[in-house]
Structure formats: structure tokens, C-alpha cells
Amino acid sequence: MKILLLYDRNATQDEGVNWLSLLLNSISSKHDVQSVLLDKRRIKPCIGCFGCWTKTPGRCVLSDQANDISQVFMQADAVIILTKMTYGGYSSDVKAFLDRAICNLSPFFTMIRGEMHHKKRYESYPDLIALAYGDPSKEEQETFARLVERNALNLHSKRSLALMLGKGRDTNRAFSILNYFLGGGRS
């Protein structure tokens, strides 16, 4: 399985924990994993020009690392996002990229489960997995799980998974669930 692992700047040193290293060591060696550091300082903010839909379909008109990541994103079987949870959401590094990933969708709309969403631009989309670390409240964890589920729906992912890492949580169990999911199981 081709996996794109996107991680934020805090993932290698969050309160003395290297979440990236722990995650990479836990993923089965049978997967082809490409890791990419997301840094909002190197990703320009989306300017809402719709150029990725009209001028350069499928590619943002801004020139930076987000275009290269978007291309790899669509070639992956699964995308794993490793992020510090911020108020029930992604870190600003991750959000900066996800805002720019809109180029992977069509500007046209369709109904999915009674809701309006962008149509697919491509035939297939990767599974979406998000692992959040930190010390969030129960409400923040619920918000995060719902956010990942909604992002997966918007990105036309067939499967999604949200896992929490950090204080008082069984990290080994979370990584076991992740590997089961990557092996084709449902969470």
C-alpha cells in the first residue's frame, strides 16, 4: 500500500515525545511510506481565486510545495495526517495544506447522502487517516473525529479513521487499530 504521511512541525518534539518516529516504527514494513513535513511558512494561503478549477484544473496557480504534495496525495492509497490537535481541529501547518487541497475536487456539485458536495475530479481518492496528539478535552476529541469524518466525505475517501494519541491513552492500541485499518479492516 502506498501511504502519504503528512506531519506538522511539532510531531517530532511534543513534550518530549517524537510522535513521528513512534508512528513510523509502528507501521507495517510492507507499506511504501512517503513522509512530508507540512510547514505553513512554506505553504502560501489559499487566495480563493478558483484558478485551480478554471485556469489550471487540478493544480493551484500559486507555486509552492502544496502543488507537489497534492499530486502525491492523489497517487496514495491512504493519507495519514499526524497533527497536534488544536481546539478540536488540525494544527495550522496541516490546515494550510488542506485548504489548498481543494484543487483535487471538481468545481461542480453533486448530492451525497442528501448533502451537496463537490464532484470528484479523479476516479479514485485515498483513504483518510488522522492521528492527533496532545491533551484535548473529550469535546475536542469528538469534534476532531467528526471533522476527519466530514473531510473524508468531502475528499471522496472510501474509508476514514481518527485516532487520539497522548496523555493517558494506549498508544500501542491506537497503532494496532491503525495497522488493522491499513490491512483492509474497518475500525
C-alpha atoms as a PDB file:
ATOM      1  CA  MET A   1       0.000   0.000   0.000  1.00  0.00           C
ATOM      2  CA  LYS A   2       1.263   3.481  -0.915  1.00  0.00           C
ATOM      3  CA  ILE A   3       0.936   5.771   2.097  1.00  0.00           C
ATOM      4  CA  LEU A   4       1.487   9.511   2.207  1.00  0.00           C
ATOM      5  CA  LEU A   5       2.296  10.588   5.768  1.00  0.00           C
ATOM      6  CA  LEU A   6       1.788  14.311   6.349  1.00  0.00           C
ATOM      7  CA  TYR A   7       3.016  15.659   9.674  1.00  0.00           C
ATOM      8  CA  ASP A   8       3.305  19.053  11.346  1.00  0.00           C
ATOM      9  CA  ARG A   9       6.339  20.779  12.839  1.00  0.00           C
ATOM     10  CA  ASN A  10       5.520  19.631  16.398  1.00  0.00           C
ATOM     11  CA  ALA A  11       5.312  15.919  15.534  1.00  0.00           C
ATOM     12  CA  THR A  12       8.993  15.273  16.233  1.00  0.00           C
ATOM     13  CA  GLN A  13       9.082  17.019  19.599  1.00  0.00           C
ATOM     14  CA  ASP A  14       5.882  17.405  21.570  1.00  0.00           C
ATOM     15  CA  GLU A  15       6.537  17.474  25.308  1.00  0.00           C
ATOM     16  CA  GLY A  16       9.493  15.140  24.843  1.00  0.00           C
ATOM     17  CA  VAL A  17       7.711  12.688  22.528  1.00  0.00           C
ATOM     18  CA  ASN A  18       8.681  12.049  18.919  1.00  0.00           C
ATOM     19  CA  TRP A  19       5.280  11.024  17.530  1.00  0.00           C
ATOM     20  CA  LEU A  20       6.611  10.768  14.006  1.00  0.00           C
ATOM     21  CA  SER A  21       9.250   8.221  14.994  1.00  0.00           C
ATOM     22  CA  LEU A  22       6.752   6.191  17.030  1.00  0.00           C
ATOM     23  CA  LEU A  23       4.305   6.167  14.140  1.00  0.00           C
ATOM     24  CA  LEU A  24       6.886   5.207  11.530  1.00  0.00           C
ATOM     25  CA  ASN A  25       8.171   2.389  13.757  1.00  0.00           C
ATOM     26  CA  SER A  26       4.639   1.063  14.210  1.00  0.00           C
ATOM     27  CA  ILE A  27       3.537   0.991  10.575  1.00  0.00           C
ATOM     28  CA  SER A  28       3.989  -2.379   8.968  1.00  0.00           C
ATOM     29  CA  SER A  29       7.123  -2.601   6.830  1.00  0.00           C
ATOM     30  CA  LYS A  30       5.067  -3.949   3.919  1.00  0.00           C
ATOM     31  CA  HIS A  31       3.805  -0.422   3.172  1.00  0.00           C
ATOM     32  CA  ASP A  32       5.535   2.119   0.945  1.00  0.00           C
ATOM     33  CA  VAL A  33       5.522   5.264   3.114  1.00  0.00           C
ATOM     34  CA  GLN A  34       6.458   8.740   1.925  1.00  0.00           C
ATOM     35  CA  SER A  35       6.708  11.287   4.743  1.00  0.00           C
ATOM     36  CA  VAL A  36       6.268  15.021   4.172  1.00  0.00           C
ATOM     37  CA  LEU A  37       6.717  17.776   6.732  1.00  0.00           C
ATOM     38  CA  LEU A  38       3.965  20.375   6.454  1.00  0.00           C
ATOM     39  CA  ASP A  39       5.100  23.855   7.419  1.00  0.00           C
ATOM     40  CA  LYS A  40       2.670  26.729   6.946  1.00  0.00           C
ATOM     41  CA  ARG A  41       5.640  29.048   6.462  1.00  0.00           C
ATOM     42  CA  ARG A  42       6.344  27.226   3.172  1.00  0.00           C
ATOM     43  CA  ILE A  43       2.729  26.896   2.053  1.00  0.00           C
ATOM     44  CA  LYS A  44       1.023  30.020   0.766  1.00  0.00           C
ATOM     45  CA  PRO A  45      -2.559  30.509   1.972  1.00  0.00           C
ATOM     46  CA  CYS A  46      -5.377  29.797  -0.455  1.00  0.00           C
ATOM     47  CA  ILE A  47      -6.466  33.086  -2.016  1.00  0.00           C
ATOM     48  CA  GLY A  48      -9.863  31.790  -3.150  1.00  0.00           C
ATOM     49  CA  CYS A  49      -9.246  32.702  -6.795  1.00  0.00           C
ATOM     50  CA  PHE A  50     -10.657  29.415  -8.164  1.00  0.00           C
ATOM     51  CA  GLY A  51      -7.702  29.261 -10.574  1.00  0.00           C
ATOM     52  CA  CYS A  52      -7.197  25.600  -9.634  1.00  0.00           C
ATOM     53  CA  TRP A  53     -10.628  24.966 -11.139  1.00  0.00           C
ATOM     54  CA  THR A  54     -10.652  27.333 -14.115  1.00  0.00           C
ATOM     55  CA  LYS A  55      -7.120  28.309 -15.203  1.00  0.00           C
ATOM     56  CA  THR A  56      -5.031  25.264 -14.250  1.00  0.00           C
ATOM     57  CA  PRO A  57      -7.539  22.487 -13.453  1.00  0.00           C
ATOM     58  CA  GLY A  58      -6.252  20.234 -10.695  1.00  0.00           C
ATOM     59  CA  ARG A  59      -3.267  22.440  -9.915  1.00  0.00           C
ATOM     60  CA  CYS A  60      -3.132  25.569  -7.781  1.00  0.00           C
ATOM     61  CA  VAL A  61      -1.983  28.740  -9.536  1.00  0.00           C
ATOM     62  CA  LEU A  62       0.271  29.502  -6.558  1.00  0.00           C
ATOM     63  CA  SER A  63       3.705  27.956  -6.866  1.00  0.00           C
ATOM     64  CA  ASP A  64       4.924  26.194  -3.730  1.00  0.00           C
ATOM     65  CA  GLN A  65       5.197  22.808  -2.035  1.00  0.00           C
ATOM     66  CA  ALA A  66       1.398  22.384  -1.811  1.00  0.00           C
ATOM     67  CA  ASN A  67       1.138  21.555  -5.528  1.00  0.00           C
ATOM     68  CA  ASP A  68       3.687  18.760  -5.275  1.00  0.00           C
ATOM     69  CA  ILE A  69       2.023  17.381  -2.150  1.00  0.00           C
ATOM     70  CA  SER A  70      -1.426  17.464  -3.793  1.00  0.00           C
ATOM     71  CA  GLN A  71      -0.136  15.365  -6.669  1.00  0.00           C
ATOM     72  CA  VAL A  72       1.388  12.757  -4.323  1.00  0.00           C
ATOM     73  CA  PHE A  73      -1.806  12.913  -2.223  1.00  0.00           C
ATOM     74  CA  MET A  74      -3.860  11.690  -5.177  1.00  0.00           C
ATOM     75  CA  GLN A  75      -1.414   8.887  -6.006  1.00  0.00           C
ATOM     76  CA  ALA A  76      -1.570   7.424  -2.482  1.00  0.00           C
ATOM     77  CA  ASP A  77      -3.793   4.573  -1.364  1.00  0.00           C
ATOM     78  CA  ALA A  78      -4.009   6.164   2.076  1.00  0.00           C
ATOM     79  CA  VAL A  79      -3.074   9.524   3.563  1.00  0.00           C
ATOM     80  CA  ILE A  80      -2.103   9.649   7.219  1.00  0.00           C
ATOM     81  CA  ILE A  81      -2.155  13.052   8.880  1.00  0.00           C
ATOM     82  CA  LEU A  82      -0.173  13.350  12.116  1.00  0.00           C
ATOM     83  CA  THR A  83      -1.208  16.577  13.812  1.00  0.00           C
ATOM     84  CA  LYS A  84      -1.240  18.349  17.119  1.00  0.00           C
ATOM     85  CA  MET A  85      -4.894  18.776  17.991  1.00  0.00           C
ATOM     86  CA  THR A  86      -5.820  22.437  18.185  1.00  0.00           C
ATOM     87  CA  TYR A  87      -9.267  23.174  19.633  1.00  0.00           C
ATOM     88  CA  GLY A  88     -10.685  20.013  18.077  1.00  0.00           C
ATOM     89  CA  GLY A  89      -9.036  20.661  14.715  1.00  0.00           C
ATOM     90  CA  TYR A  90      -5.799  20.238  12.845  1.00  0.00           C
ATOM     91  CA  SER A  91      -2.646  22.217  13.549  1.00  0.00           C
ATOM     92  CA  SER A  92      -2.146  25.361  11.466  1.00  0.00           C
ATOM     93  CA  ASP A  93       0.556  23.563   9.427  1.00  0.00           C
ATOM     94  CA  VAL A  94      -1.877  20.819   8.393  1.00  0.00           C
ATOM     95  CA  LYS A  95      -4.775  23.214   7.830  1.00  0.00           C
ATOM     96  CA  ALA A  96      -2.626  25.336   5.497  1.00  0.00           C
ATOM     97  CA  PHE A  97      -2.176  22.349   3.194  1.00  0.00           C
ATOM     98  CA  LEU A  98      -5.741  21.009   3.450  1.00  0.00           C
ATOM     99  CA  ASP A  99      -7.121  24.406   2.424  1.00  0.00           C
ATOM    100  CA  ARG A 100      -5.073  24.157  -0.764  1.00  0.00           C
ATOM    101  CA  ALA A 101      -6.133  20.546  -1.489  1.00  0.00           C
ATOM    102  CA  ILE A 102      -9.404  21.824  -2.957  1.00  0.00           C
ATOM    103  CA  CYS A 103      -7.717  21.579  -6.369  1.00  0.00           C
ATOM    104  CA  ASN A 104      -8.260  17.810  -6.170  1.00  0.00           C
ATOM    105  CA  LEU A 105     -12.013  18.311  -6.415  1.00  0.00           C
ATOM    106  CA  SER A 106     -14.245  19.462  -9.248  1.00  0.00           C
ATOM    107  CA  PRO A 107     -15.872  22.908  -9.095  1.00  0.00           C
ATOM    108  CA  PHE A 108     -19.192  21.214  -9.860  1.00  0.00           C
ATOM    109  CA  PHE A 109     -21.541  19.776  -7.261  1.00  0.00           C
ATOM    110  CA  THR A 110     -23.344  16.535  -6.536  1.00  0.00           C
ATOM    111  CA  MET A 111     -25.627  15.244  -3.798  1.00  0.00           C
ATOM    112  CA  ILE A 112     -24.138  12.738  -1.345  1.00  0.00           C
ATOM    113  CA  ARG A 113     -26.404  11.390   1.398  1.00  0.00           C
ATOM    114  CA  GLY A 114     -28.760  14.310   0.913  1.00  0.00           C
ATOM    115  CA  GLU A 115     -25.978  16.918   1.136  1.00  0.00           C
ATOM    116  CA  MET A 116     -24.299  18.984  -1.544  1.00  0.00           C
ATOM    117  CA  HIS A 117     -20.579  18.276  -2.095  1.00  0.00           C
ATOM    118  CA  HIS A 118     -18.020  18.883  -4.826  1.00  0.00           C
ATOM    119  CA  LYS A 119     -17.902  16.214  -7.520  1.00  0.00           C
ATOM    120  CA  LYS A 120     -14.839  14.050  -7.961  1.00  0.00           C
ATOM    121  CA  ARG A 121     -12.127  15.352 -10.260  1.00  0.00           C
ATOM    122  CA  TYR A 122     -10.361  11.980 -10.322  1.00  0.00           C
ATOM    123  CA  GLU A 123     -11.532   8.379 -10.428  1.00  0.00           C
ATOM    124  CA  SER A 124     -10.243   7.340  -7.006  1.00  0.00           C
ATOM    125  CA  TYR A 125      -9.267   9.054  -3.775  1.00  0.00           C
ATOM    126  CA  PRO A 126      -7.115   7.833  -0.874  1.00  0.00           C
ATOM    127  CA  ASP A 127      -8.389   6.676   2.487  1.00  0.00           C
ATOM    128  CA  LEU A 128      -8.023   9.434   5.085  1.00  0.00           C
ATOM    129  CA  ILE A 129      -6.475   8.699   8.477  1.00  0.00           C
ATOM    130  CA  ALA A 130      -5.759  11.335  11.088  1.00  0.00           C
ATOM    131  CA  LEU A 131      -3.798  10.833  14.289  1.00  0.00           C
ATOM    132  CA  ALA A 132      -3.993  13.683  16.759  1.00  0.00           C
ATOM    133  CA  TYR A 133      -1.625  14.117  19.666  1.00  0.00           C
ATOM    134  CA  GLY A 134      -1.862  16.428  22.625  1.00  0.00           C
ATOM    135  CA  ASP A 135      -4.100  16.688  25.655  1.00  0.00           C
ATOM    136  CA  PRO A 136      -7.550  17.563  24.288  1.00  0.00           C
ATOM    137  CA  SER A 137     -10.825  17.567  26.185  1.00  0.00           C
ATOM    138  CA  LYS A 138     -13.483  14.947  25.449  1.00  0.00           C
ATOM    139  CA  GLU A 139     -15.415  17.548  23.445  1.00  0.00           C
ATOM    140  CA  GLU A 140     -12.342  18.410  21.365  1.00  0.00           C
ATOM    141  CA  GLN A 141     -11.772  14.716  20.636  1.00  0.00           C
ATOM    142  CA  GLU A 142     -15.379  14.324  19.478  1.00  0.00           C
ATOM    143  CA  THR A 143     -15.073  17.431  17.297  1.00  0.00           C
ATOM    144  CA  PHE A 144     -11.850  16.115  15.775  1.00  0.00           C
ATOM    145  CA  ALA A 145     -13.345  12.697  14.973  1.00  0.00           C
ATOM    146  CA  ARG A 146     -16.309  14.392  13.302  1.00  0.00           C
ATOM    147  CA  LEU A 147     -14.008  16.760  11.372  1.00  0.00           C
ATOM    148  CA  VAL A 148     -11.986  13.855   9.975  1.00  0.00           C
ATOM    149  CA  GLU A 149     -15.181  12.033   9.016  1.00  0.00           C
ATOM    150  CA  ARG A 150     -16.521  15.131   7.223  1.00  0.00           C
ATOM    151  CA  ASN A 151     -13.192  15.793   5.471  1.00  0.00           C
ATOM    152  CA  ALA A 152     -13.153  12.196   4.248  1.00  0.00           C
ATOM    153  CA  LEU A 153     -16.660  12.641   2.857  1.00  0.00           C
ATOM    154  CA  ASN A 154     -15.654  15.876   1.103  1.00  0.00           C
ATOM    155  CA  LEU A 155     -12.488  14.253  -0.281  1.00  0.00           C
ATOM    156  CA  HIS A 156     -14.429  11.194  -1.519  1.00  0.00           C
ATOM    157  CA  SER A 157     -12.383   8.807   0.643  1.00  0.00           C
ATOM    158  CA  LYS A 158     -13.963   5.371   0.873  1.00  0.00           C
ATOM    159  CA  ARG A 159     -12.708   4.895   4.430  1.00  0.00           C
ATOM    160  CA  SER A 160     -11.543   7.142   7.241  1.00  0.00           C
ATOM    161  CA  LEU A 161     -10.138   6.789  10.714  1.00  0.00           C
ATOM    162  CA  ALA A 162      -9.433   9.255  13.519  1.00  0.00           C
ATOM    163  CA  LEU A 163      -7.195   8.230  16.423  1.00  0.00           C
ATOM    164  CA  MET A 164      -6.037  10.106  19.509  1.00  0.00           C
ATOM    165  CA  LEU A 165      -2.508   9.837  20.874  1.00  0.00           C
ATOM    166  CA  GLY A 166      -1.089  11.314  24.033  1.00  0.00           C
ATOM    167  CA  LYS A 167      -1.522  11.537  27.757  1.00  0.00           C
ATOM    168  CA  GLY A 168      -3.421   8.679  29.334  1.00  0.00           C
ATOM    169  CA  ARG A 169      -4.025   6.879  26.050  1.00  0.00           C
ATOM    170  CA  ASP A 170      -2.836   3.447  24.994  1.00  0.00           C
ATOM    171  CA  THR A 171      -0.574   4.344  22.071  1.00  0.00           C
ATOM    172  CA  ASN A 172       0.142   0.698  21.232  1.00  0.00           C
ATOM    173  CA  ARG A 173      -3.592   0.034  20.921  1.00  0.00           C
ATOM    174  CA  ALA A 174      -4.003   3.065  18.634  1.00  0.00           C
ATOM    175  CA  PHE A 175      -1.183   1.836  16.405  1.00  0.00           C
ATOM    176  CA  SER A 176      -2.701  -1.672  16.374  1.00  0.00           C
ATOM    177  CA  ILE A 177      -6.009  -0.190  15.193  1.00  0.00           C
ATOM    178  CA  LEU A 178      -4.135   1.776  12.542  1.00  0.00           C
ATOM    179  CA  ASN A 179      -2.333  -1.305  11.215  1.00  0.00           C
ATOM    180  CA  TYR A 180      -5.565  -3.299  11.188  1.00  0.00           C
ATOM    181  CA  PHE A 181      -7.192  -0.492   9.181  1.00  0.00           C
ATOM    182  CA  LEU A 182      -4.246  -0.296   6.760  1.00  0.00           C
ATOM    183  CA  GLY A 183      -4.502  -4.058   6.305  1.00  0.00           C
ATOM    184  CA  GLY A 184      -8.047  -3.631   4.996  1.00  0.00           C
ATOM    185  CA  GLY A 185     -10.036  -3.915   8.215  1.00  0.00           C
ATOM    186  CA  ARG A 186     -12.660  -1.462   9.349  1.00  0.00           C
ATOM    187  CA  SER A 187     -12.258   0.449  12.572  1.00  0.00           C
END
